[in-house]
Amino acid sequence: MDNYQIARRARIGVLIPSTNTGVEYDLQKFALEGVTWHPSRFWIELRNWADENAKTGEGMDSVFERFLELMRAELPGAIDRALSAEITHLMLGMSAETFWGGLAGNEAFEADIQERIGTLGLSTGAAATRQALAAFDAKTISVITPYPPVGDANVRLFFSEIGFEVKHVAGLSRPSATAIAATSIQQVMAAVRQVDGDDVDAIVQCGTNLSTVDIFPTLELWLEKPLIPINIATIWHSLRACGVDDRLAGKGRLLEEF
């Protein structure tokens, strides 16, 4: 690729909310020779949605949408900081925005970022999960999210509009951006049980601050179907886009098979 000593295969920039502790945890599982990860954090001002709702009375859905609006304004600076490292690919370590507004909203959001980064490759949660599900030839899916109901509705809309039958969406409705990372394994397991069924081909987990890399590979064997964490999907998408085709054991079927 070039003469970079330790990053000769890929230098992947990763946009991460300032409140997020899940993405970097997952990235640390992927210490691949010749590949480096370069997080660029963007400021999250509206961190506690439940407190803001209690203070303003505007409703959790409205607060969450305002949270996304504030977040959008912070992205350009974080993108520029990532680009300054001469990255070879950009990965988004945030997911709700990539589903917002269904397919049209996703396309507009990605187009805005692509315009800023030029010809550089881009991996988003929505695009990555779409390609992952296509790789498994899944038709009917269920989804787990940490979002309030408005987030669940946008996730359902996106997947429905791109051709999947969405059987169930389990929203954990976490009270804050940081509380997502405090979701217990028991809560995740309960959500998996809630959305699973014989008529479900695959289960997708949204919310990048909710790390499931430690449990989903085992659950895949137990349930005998793909379980796709959004962080793993975007990591997989980024690596393959950079020509890094390593098959990795123990991180789930997506990275083992495709």
C-alpha atoms as a PDB file:
ATOM      1  CA  MET A   1       0.000   0.000   0.000  1.00  0.00           C
ATOM      2  CA  ASP A   2       2.708   2.501   1.006  1.00  0.00           C
ATOM      3  CA  ASN A   3       5.795   2.781   3.193  1.00  0.00           C
ATOM      4  CA  TYR A   4       4.053   3.189   6.556  1.00  0.00           C
ATOM      5  CA  GLN A   5       6.029   0.985   8.913  1.00  0.00           C
ATOM      6  CA  ILE A   6       3.255  -0.303  11.202  1.00  0.00           C
ATOM      7  CA  ALA A   7       0.182   0.404   9.078  1.00  0.00           C
ATOM      8  CA  ARG A   8       1.074  -0.880   5.665  1.00  0.00           C
ATOM      9  CA  ARG A   9      -2.307  -2.561   5.074  1.00  0.00           C
ATOM     10  CA  ALA A  10      -4.815  -0.062   6.469  1.00  0.00           C
ATOM     11  CA  ARG A  11      -5.143   3.051   8.608  1.00  0.00           C
ATOM     12  CA  ILE A  12      -8.791   3.204   9.625  1.00  0.00           C
ATOM     13  CA  GLY A  13     -10.190   6.358  11.187  1.00  0.00           C
ATOM     14  CA  VAL A  14     -13.113   5.789  13.569  1.00  0.00           C
ATOM     15  CA  LEU A  15     -15.601   8.499  14.555  1.00  0.00           C
ATOM     16  CA  ILE A  16     -16.692   7.902  18.147  1.00  0.00           C
ATOM     17  CA  PRO A  17     -19.064   9.862  20.416  1.00  0.00           C
ATOM     18  CA  SER A  18     -17.284  11.328  23.434  1.00  0.00           C
ATOM     19  CA  THR A  19     -19.558   9.280  25.704  1.00  0.00           C
ATOM     20  CA  ASN A  20     -18.801   5.958  24.030  1.00  0.00           C
ATOM     21  CA  THR A  21     -16.696   3.286  25.742  1.00  0.00           C
ATOM     22  CA  GLY A  22     -17.896   0.302  23.698  1.00  0.00           C
ATOM     23  CA  VAL A  23     -16.325   0.895  20.292  1.00  0.00           C
ATOM     24  CA  GLU A  24     -12.725   1.096  21.473  1.00  0.00           C
ATOM     25  CA  TYR A  25     -13.223  -1.998  23.637  1.00  0.00           C
ATOM     26  CA  ASP A  26     -14.272  -3.911  20.540  1.00  0.00           C
ATOM     27  CA  LEU A  27     -11.492  -2.432  18.405  1.00  0.00           C
ATOM     28  CA  GLN A  28      -8.909  -3.623  20.916  1.00  0.00           C
ATOM     29  CA  LYS A  29      -9.939  -7.176  20.020  1.00  0.00           C
ATOM     30  CA  PHE A  30      -8.615  -6.629  16.491  1.00  0.00           C
ATOM     31  CA  ALA A  31      -4.877  -6.091  16.735  1.00  0.00           C
ATOM     32  CA  LEU A  32      -4.081  -7.136  13.177  1.00  0.00           C
ATOM     33  CA  GLU A  33      -0.605  -6.862  11.720  1.00  0.00           C
ATOM     34  CA  GLY A  34      -0.357  -3.914   9.367  1.00  0.00           C
ATOM     35  CA  VAL A  35      -3.700  -2.415  10.456  1.00  0.00           C
ATOM     36  CA  THR A  36      -4.103   0.550  12.791  1.00  0.00           C
ATOM     37  CA  TRP A  37      -7.276   2.127  14.209  1.00  0.00           C
ATOM     38  CA  HIS A  38      -7.469   5.903  14.741  1.00  0.00           C
ATOM     39  CA  PRO A  39     -10.383   7.046  16.921  1.00  0.00           C
ATOM     40  CA  SER A  40     -11.562  10.632  16.622  1.00  0.00           C
ATOM     41  CA  ARG A  41     -14.059  11.654  19.277  1.00  0.00           C
ATOM     42  CA  PHE A  42     -16.809  14.197  18.795  1.00  0.00           C
ATOM     43  CA  TRP A  43     -18.456  16.064  21.650  1.00  0.00           C
ATOM     44  CA  ILE A  44     -21.787  14.859  23.054  1.00  0.00           C
ATOM     45  CA  GLU A  45     -23.451  17.716  24.884  1.00  0.00           C
ATOM     46  CA  LEU A  46     -26.846  16.165  25.584  1.00  0.00           C
ATOM     47  CA  ARG A  47     -25.761  13.046  27.441  1.00  0.00           C
ATOM     48  CA  ASN A  48     -28.605  12.209  29.856  1.00  0.00           C
ATOM     49  CA  TRP A  49     -31.884  11.903  27.977  1.00  0.00           C
ATOM     50  CA  ALA A  50     -33.974  10.912  31.008  1.00  0.00           C
ATOM     51  CA  ASP A  51     -32.765  13.907  33.041  1.00  0.00           C
ATOM     52  CA  GLU A  52     -33.417  16.251  30.120  1.00  0.00           C
ATOM     53  CA  ASN A  53     -36.887  14.801  29.687  1.00  0.00           C
ATOM     54  CA  ALA A  54     -37.631  15.273  33.386  1.00  0.00           C
ATOM     55  CA  LYS A  55     -36.392  18.864  33.220  1.00  0.00           C
ATOM     56  CA  THR A  56     -38.176  19.914  30.014  1.00  0.00           C
ATOM     57  CA  GLY A  57     -41.097  17.491  29.816  1.00  0.00           C
ATOM     58  CA  GLU A  58     -40.639  17.228  26.056  1.00  0.00           C
ATOM     59  CA  GLY A  59     -40.637  13.430  25.941  1.00  0.00           C
ATOM     60  CA  MET A  60     -37.816  10.925  25.496  1.00  0.00           C
ATOM     61  CA  ASP A  61     -38.314  10.644  21.738  1.00  0.00           C
ATOM     62  CA  SER A  62     -38.031  14.393  21.278  1.00  0.00           C
ATOM     63  CA  VAL A  63     -34.974  14.587  23.510  1.00  0.00           C
ATOM     64  CA  PHE A  64     -33.299  11.799  21.557  1.00  0.00           C
ATOM     65  CA  GLU A  65     -33.938  13.546  18.249  1.00  0.00           C
ATOM     66  CA  ARG A  66     -32.450  16.750  19.653  1.00  0.00           C
ATOM     67  CA  PHE A  67     -29.445  14.716  20.813  1.00  0.00           C
ATOM     68  CA  LEU A  68     -28.917  13.566  17.217  1.00  0.00           C
ATOM     69  CA  GLU A  69     -29.219  17.103  15.866  1.00  0.00           C
ATOM     70  CA  LEU A  70     -26.543  18.351  18.258  1.00  0.00           C
ATOM     71  CA  MET A  71     -24.351  15.396  17.362  1.00  0.00           C
ATOM     72  CA  ARG A  72     -24.530  16.128  13.618  1.00  0.00           C
ATOM     73  CA  ALA A  73     -23.026  19.552  14.189  1.00  0.00           C
ATOM     74  CA  GLU A  74     -19.978  18.019  15.869  1.00  0.00           C
ATOM     75  CA  LEU A  75     -19.095  15.570  13.095  1.00  0.00           C
ATOM     76  CA  PRO A  76     -17.160  17.817  10.655  1.00  0.00           C
ATOM     77  CA  GLY A  77     -14.403  18.628  13.150  1.00  0.00           C
ATOM     78  CA  ALA A  78     -14.010  14.985  14.140  1.00  0.00           C
ATOM     79  CA  ILE A  79     -13.817  13.966  10.485  1.00  0.00           C
ATOM     80  CA  ASP A  80     -11.122  16.540   9.787  1.00  0.00           C
ATOM     81  CA  ARG A  81      -9.078  15.357  12.782  1.00  0.00           C
ATOM     82  CA  ALA A  82      -9.263  11.786  11.511  1.00  0.00           C
ATOM     83  CA  LEU A  83      -8.260  12.833   8.000  1.00  0.00           C
ATOM     84  CA  SER A  84      -5.189  14.586   9.372  1.00  0.00           C
ATOM     85  CA  ALA A  85      -3.708  11.150  10.154  1.00  0.00           C
ATOM     86  CA  GLU A  86      -3.744  10.299   6.435  1.00  0.00           C
ATOM     87  CA  ILE A  87      -6.209   7.485   7.040  1.00  0.00           C
ATOM     88  CA  THR A  88      -7.087   5.115   4.227  1.00  0.00           C
ATOM     89  CA  HIS A  89     -10.697   4.460   5.311  1.00  0.00           C
ATOM     90  CA  LEU A  90     -13.308   6.012   7.615  1.00  0.00           C
ATOM     91  CA  MET A  91     -15.559   3.984   9.922  1.00  0.00           C
ATOM     92  CA  LEU A  92     -18.450   5.442  11.903  1.00  0.00           C
ATOM     93  CA  GLY A  93     -18.530   4.259  15.512  1.00  0.00           C
ATOM     94  CA  MET A  94     -22.073   5.562  15.973  1.00  0.00           C
ATOM     95  CA  SER A  95     -25.185   3.956  14.584  1.00  0.00           C
ATOM     96  CA  ALA A  96     -28.526   5.656  15.272  1.00  0.00           C
ATOM     97  CA  GLU A  97     -27.859   8.451  12.793  1.00  0.00           C
ATOM     98  CA  THR A  98     -27.099   5.968  10.020  1.00  0.00           C
ATOM     99  CA  PHE A  99     -30.636   4.517  10.239  1.00  0.00           C
ATOM    100  CA  TRP A 100     -32.479   7.796  10.752  1.00  0.00           C
ATOM    101  CA  GLY A 101     -35.133   8.610   8.187  1.00  0.00           C
ATOM    102  CA  GLY A 102     -35.064   5.147   6.660  1.00  0.00           C
ATOM    103  CA  LEU A 103     -33.248   4.546   3.389  1.00  0.00           C
ATOM    104  CA  ALA A 104     -33.564   8.136   2.156  1.00  0.00           C
ATOM    105  CA  GLY A 105     -32.238   9.521   5.434  1.00  0.00           C
ATOM    106  CA  ASN A 106     -29.364   7.061   5.401  1.00  0.00           C
ATOM    107  CA  GLU A 107     -28.399   7.945   1.849  1.00  0.00           C
ATOM    108  CA  ALA A 108     -28.475  11.674   2.557  1.00  0.00           C
ATOM    109  CA  PHE A 109     -26.413  11.280   5.719  1.00  0.00           C
ATOM    110  CA  GLU A 110     -23.792   9.135   4.005  1.00  0.00           C
ATOM    111  CA  ALA A 111     -23.664  11.502   1.022  1.00  0.00           C
ATOM    112  CA  ASP A 112     -22.888  14.442   3.326  1.00  0.00           C
ATOM    113  CA  ILE A 113     -19.983  12.583   4.897  1.00  0.00           C
ATOM    114  CA  GLN A 114     -18.731  11.269   1.560  1.00  0.00           C
ATOM    115  CA  GLU A 115     -18.656  14.801   0.192  1.00  0.00           C
ATOM    116  CA  ARG A 116     -16.387  15.809   3.068  1.00  0.00           C
ATOM    117  CA  ILE A 117     -13.989  12.858   2.716  1.00  0.00           C
ATOM    118  CA  GLY A 118     -13.864  12.722  -1.080  1.00  0.00           C
ATOM    119  CA  THR A 119     -12.925   9.373  -2.575  1.00  0.00           C
ATOM    120  CA  LEU A 120     -12.008   7.815   0.779  1.00  0.00           C
ATOM    121  CA  GLY A 121     -13.895   4.631   1.637  1.00  0.00           C
ATOM    122  CA  LEU A 122     -16.685   4.850   4.232  1.00  0.00           C
ATOM    123  CA  SER A 123     -18.222   2.218   6.523  1.00  0.00           C
ATOM    124  CA  THR A 124     -21.443   2.927   8.411  1.00  0.00           C
ATOM    125  CA  GLY A 125     -23.533   0.726  10.651  1.00  0.00           C
ATOM    126  CA  ALA A 126     -26.465   0.708   8.261  1.00  0.00           C
ATOM    127  CA  ALA A 127     -24.401  -0.214   5.197  1.00  0.00           C
ATOM    128  CA  ALA A 128     -22.337  -2.779   7.080  1.00  0.00           C
ATOM    129  CA  THR A 129     -25.296  -4.625   8.586  1.00  0.00           C
ATOM    130  CA  ARG A 130     -27.035  -4.592   5.211  1.00  0.00           C
ATOM    131  CA  GLN A 131     -24.060  -6.273   3.552  1.00  0.00           C
ATOM    132  CA  ALA A 132     -23.604  -8.696   6.446  1.00  0.00           C
ATOM    133  CA  LEU A 133     -27.229  -9.817   6.251  1.00  0.00           C
ATOM    134  CA  ALA A 134     -26.912 -10.208   2.483  1.00  0.00           C
ATOM    135  CA  ALA A 135     -23.820 -12.374   2.977  1.00  0.00           C
ATOM    136  CA  PHE A 136     -25.874 -14.727   5.154  1.00  0.00           C
ATOM    137  CA  ASP A 137     -28.808 -14.544   2.696  1.00  0.00           C
ATOM    138  CA  ALA A 138     -31.072 -13.548   5.590  1.00  0.00           C
ATOM    139  CA  LYS A 139     -34.640 -12.565   4.722  1.00  0.00           C
ATOM    140  CA  THR A 140     -36.372 -12.186   8.069  1.00  0.00           C
ATOM    141  CA  ILE A 141     -34.600 -10.474  10.961  1.00  0.00           C
ATOM    142  CA  SER A 142     -35.024  -9.184  14.475  1.00  0.00           C
ATOM    143  CA  VAL A 143     -33.176  -6.256  16.017  1.00  0.00           C
ATOM    144  CA  ILE A 144     -32.020  -5.257  19.499  1.00  0.00           C
ATOM    145  CA  THR A 145     -31.376  -1.579  20.224  1.00  0.00           C
ATOM    146  CA  PRO A 146     -30.587   0.575  23.273  1.00  0.00           C
ATOM    147  CA  TYR A 147     -32.719   3.414  21.852  1.00  0.00           C
ATOM    148  CA  PRO A 148     -36.048   4.929  22.908  1.00  0.00           C
ATOM    149  CA  PRO A 149     -39.087   4.041  20.754  1.00  0.00           C
ATOM    150  CA  VAL A 150     -38.371   6.668  18.069  1.00  0.00           C
ATOM    151  CA  GLY A 151     -34.992   5.023  17.468  1.00  0.00           C
ATOM    152  CA  ASP A 152     -36.571   1.600  17.181  1.00  0.00           C
ATOM    153  CA  ALA A 153     -39.072   2.950  14.646  1.00  0.00           C
ATOM    154  CA  ASN A 154     -36.296   4.341  12.449  1.00  0.00           C
ATOM    155  CA  VAL A 155     -34.343   1.082  12.604  1.00  0.00           C
ATOM    156  CA  ARG A 156     -37.435  -0.877  11.614  1.00  0.00           C
ATOM    157  CA  LEU A 157     -38.127   1.593   8.801  1.00  0.00           C
ATOM    158  CA  PHE A 158     -34.618   1.315   7.365  1.00  0.00           C
ATOM    159  CA  PHE A 159     -34.475  -2.470   7.325  1.00  0.00           C
ATOM    160  CA  SER A 160     -38.017  -2.752   5.978  1.00  0.00           C
ATOM    161  CA  GLU A 161     -37.270  -0.303   3.161  1.00  0.00           C
ATOM    162  CA  ILE A 162     -34.200  -2.247   2.040  1.00  0.00           C
ATOM    163  CA  GLY A 163     -36.191  -5.446   1.757  1.00  0.00           C
ATOM    164  CA  PHE A 164     -36.013  -7.300   5.055  1.00  0.00           C
ATOM    165  CA  GLU A 165     -39.004  -8.558   6.976  1.00  0.00           C
ATOM    166  CA  VAL A 166     -38.495  -7.249  10.506  1.00  0.00           C
ATOM    167  CA  LYS A 167     -40.143  -9.668  12.915  1.00  0.00           C
ATOM    168  CA  HIS A 168     -39.298  -7.964  16.200  1.00  0.00           C
ATOM    169  CA  VAL A 169     -37.458  -4.912  17.518  1.00  0.00           C
ATOM    170  CA  ALA A 170     -36.539  -4.953  21.209  1.00  0.00           C
ATOM    171  CA  GLY A 171     -35.682  -1.463  22.441  1.00  0.00           C
ATOM    172  CA  LEU A 172     -33.916  -1.321  25.786  1.00  0.00           C
ATOM    173  CA  SER A 173     -34.653   2.419  26.030  1.00  0.00           C
ATOM    174  CA  ARG A 174     -31.539   3.299  27.993  1.00  0.00           C
ATOM    175  CA  PRO A 175     -31.794   6.593  29.916  1.00  0.00           C
ATOM    176  CA  SER A 176     -28.526   8.147  28.740  1.00  0.00           C
ATOM    177  CA  ALA A 177     -25.711   7.850  26.235  1.00  0.00           C
ATOM    178  CA  THR A 178     -23.375   6.411  28.856  1.00  0.00           C
ATOM    179  CA  ALA A 179     -25.998   4.068  30.328  1.00  0.00           C
ATOM    180  CA  ILE A 180     -25.920   2.065  27.101  1.00  0.00           C
ATOM    181  CA  ALA A 181     -22.498   0.697  28.109  1.00  0.00           C
ATOM    182  CA  ALA A 182     -23.901  -0.258  31.510  1.00  0.00           C
ATOM    183  CA  THR A 183     -26.482  -2.605  29.987  1.00  0.00           C
ATOM    184  CA  SER A 184     -26.069  -5.975  31.671  1.00  0.00           C
ATOM    185  CA  ILE A 185     -25.501  -9.289  29.953  1.00  0.00           C
ATOM    186  CA  GLN A 186     -28.760 -10.450  31.528  1.00  0.00           C
ATOM    187  CA  GLN A 187     -30.619  -7.606  29.808  1.00  0.00           C
ATOM    188  CA  VAL A 188     -29.049  -8.450  26.471  1.00  0.00           C
ATOM    189  CA  MET A 189     -29.875 -12.137  26.887  1.00  0.00           C
ATOM    190  CA  ALA A 190     -33.482 -11.302  27.756  1.00  0.00           C
ATOM    191  CA  ALA A 191     -33.733  -9.156  24.632  1.00  0.00           C
ATOM    192  CA  VAL A 192     -32.324 -11.972  22.469  1.00  0.00           C
ATOM    193  CA  ARG A 193     -34.915 -14.372  23.881  1.00  0.00           C
ATOM    194  CA  GLN A 194     -37.630 -11.792  23.226  1.00  0.00           C
ATOM    195  CA  VAL A 195     -36.813 -11.336  19.531  1.00  0.00           C
ATOM    196  CA  ASP A 196     -35.714 -14.843  18.558  1.00  0.00           C
ATOM    197  CA  GLY A 197     -37.913 -17.391  16.870  1.00  0.00           C
ATOM    198  CA  ASP A 198     -37.918 -20.176  14.319  1.00  0.00           C
ATOM    199  CA  ASP A 199     -39.046 -17.635  11.726  1.00  0.00           C
ATOM    200  CA  VAL A 200     -36.050 -15.325  12.332  1.00  0.00           C
ATOM    201  CA  ASP A 201     -33.009 -15.836  10.092  1.00  0.00           C
ATOM    202  CA  ALA A 202     -30.654 -13.433  11.901  1.00  0.00           C
ATOM    203  CA  ILE A 203     -30.513 -11.012  14.825  1.00  0.00           C
ATOM    204  CA  VAL A 204     -28.875  -7.585  14.564  1.00  0.00           C
ATOM    205  CA  GLN A 205     -27.708  -5.561  17.582  1.00  0.00           C
ATOM    206  CA  CYS A 206     -27.604  -1.790  17.091  1.00  0.00           C
ATOM    207  CA  GLY A 207     -26.039   0.819  19.367  1.00  0.00           C
ATOM    208  CA  THR A 208     -22.247   1.049  19.210  1.00  0.00           C
ATOM    209  CA  ASN A 209     -21.839   1.655  22.948  1.00  0.00           C
ATOM    210  CA  LEU A 210     -23.441  -1.739  23.621  1.00  0.00           C
ATOM    211  CA  SER A 211     -20.650  -4.269  23.154  1.00  0.00           C
ATOM    212  CA  THR A 212     -21.801  -7.830  22.517  1.00  0.00           C
ATOM    213  CA  VAL A 213     -18.615  -9.231  20.986  1.00  0.00           C
ATOM    214  CA  ASP A 214     -17.981 -11.360  24.081  1.00  0.00           C
ATOM    215  CA  ILE A 215     -21.342 -13.146  24.038  1.00  0.00           C
ATOM    216  CA  PHE A 216     -22.777 -13.145  20.519  1.00  0.00           C
ATOM    217  CA  PRO A 217     -20.290 -15.657  19.022  1.00  0.00           C
ATOM    218  CA  THR A 218     -21.400 -18.193  21.653  1.00  0.00           C
ATOM    219  CA  LEU A 219     -25.078 -17.369  21.193  1.00  0.00           C
ATOM    220  CA  GLU A 220     -24.699 -17.976  17.455  1.00  0.00           C
ATOM    221  CA  LEU A 221     -23.725 -21.559  18.181  1.00  0.00           C
ATOM    222  CA  TRP A 222     -26.552 -21.955  20.666  1.00  0.00           C
ATOM    223  CA  LEU A 223     -29.264 -20.472  18.429  1.00  0.00           C
ATOM    224  CA  GLU A 224     -27.777 -21.797  15.155  1.00  0.00           C
ATOM    225  CA  LYS A 225     -28.197 -18.499  13.320  1.00  0.00           C
ATOM    226  CA  PRO A 226     -26.123 -15.351  12.707  1.00  0.00           C
ATOM    227  CA  LEU A 227     -26.068 -12.719  15.451  1.00  0.00           C
ATOM    228  CA  ILE A 228     -24.572  -9.500  14.147  1.00  0.00           C
ATOM    229  CA  PRO A 229     -23.244  -6.823  16.530  1.00  0.00           C
ATOM    230  CA  ILE A 230     -23.073  -3.484  14.757  1.00  0.00           C
ATOM    231  CA  ASN A 231     -19.481  -2.832  15.831  1.00  0.00           C
ATOM    232  CA  ILE A 232     -18.346  -6.164  14.421  1.00  0.00           C
ATOM    233  CA  ALA A 233     -20.245  -5.527  11.206  1.00  0.00           C
ATOM    234  CA  THR A 234     -18.579  -2.140  10.692  1.00  0.00           C
ATOM    235  CA  ILE A 235     -15.153  -3.544  11.588  1.00  0.00           C
ATOM    236  CA  TRP A 236     -15.682  -6.369   9.080  1.00  0.00           C
ATOM    237  CA  HIS A 237     -16.927  -3.931   6.442  1.00  0.00           C
ATOM    238  CA  SER A 238     -13.941  -1.630   6.996  1.00  0.00           C
ATOM    239  CA  LEU A 239     -11.369  -4.416   6.861  1.00  0.00           C
ATOM    240  CA  ARG A 240     -12.789  -5.965   3.708  1.00  0.00           C
ATOM    241  CA  ALA A 241     -13.053  -2.553   2.033  1.00  0.00           C
ATOM    242  CA  CYS A 242      -9.338  -2.083   2.725  1.00  0.00           C
ATOM    243  CA  GLY A 243      -8.473  -5.464   1.226  1.00  0.00           C
ATOM    244  CA  VAL A 244      -7.798  -7.065   4.609  1.00  0.00           C
ATOM    245  CA  ASP A 245      -9.362 -10.502   4.137  1.00  0.00           C
ATOM    246  CA  ASP A 246      -8.138 -12.275   7.287  1.00  0.00           C
ATOM    247  CA  ARG A 247     -10.586 -14.866   8.624  1.00  0.00           C
ATOM    248  CA  LEU A 248     -10.712 -14.455  12.393  1.00  0.00           C
ATOM    249  CA  ALA A 249     -11.825 -17.210  14.778  1.00  0.00           C
ATOM    250  CA  GLY A 250     -13.804 -16.497  17.913  1.00  0.00           C
ATOM    251  CA  LYS A 251     -15.267 -13.148  16.826  1.00  0.00           C
ATOM    252  CA  GLY A 252     -18.420 -14.493  15.227  1.00  0.00           C
ATOM    253  CA  ARG A 253     -19.459 -16.135  11.983  1.00  0.00           C
ATOM    254  CA  LEU A 254     -19.252 -12.943   9.928  1.00  0.00           C
ATOM    255  CA  LEU A 255     -15.495 -12.660  10.368  1.00  0.00           C
ATOM    256  CA  GLU A 256     -14.965 -16.409  10.192  1.00  0.00           C
ATOM    257  CA  GLU A 257     -16.908 -17.061   6.988  1.00  0.00           C
ATOM    258  CA  PHE A 258     -16.820 -13.909   4.828  1.00  0.00           C
END
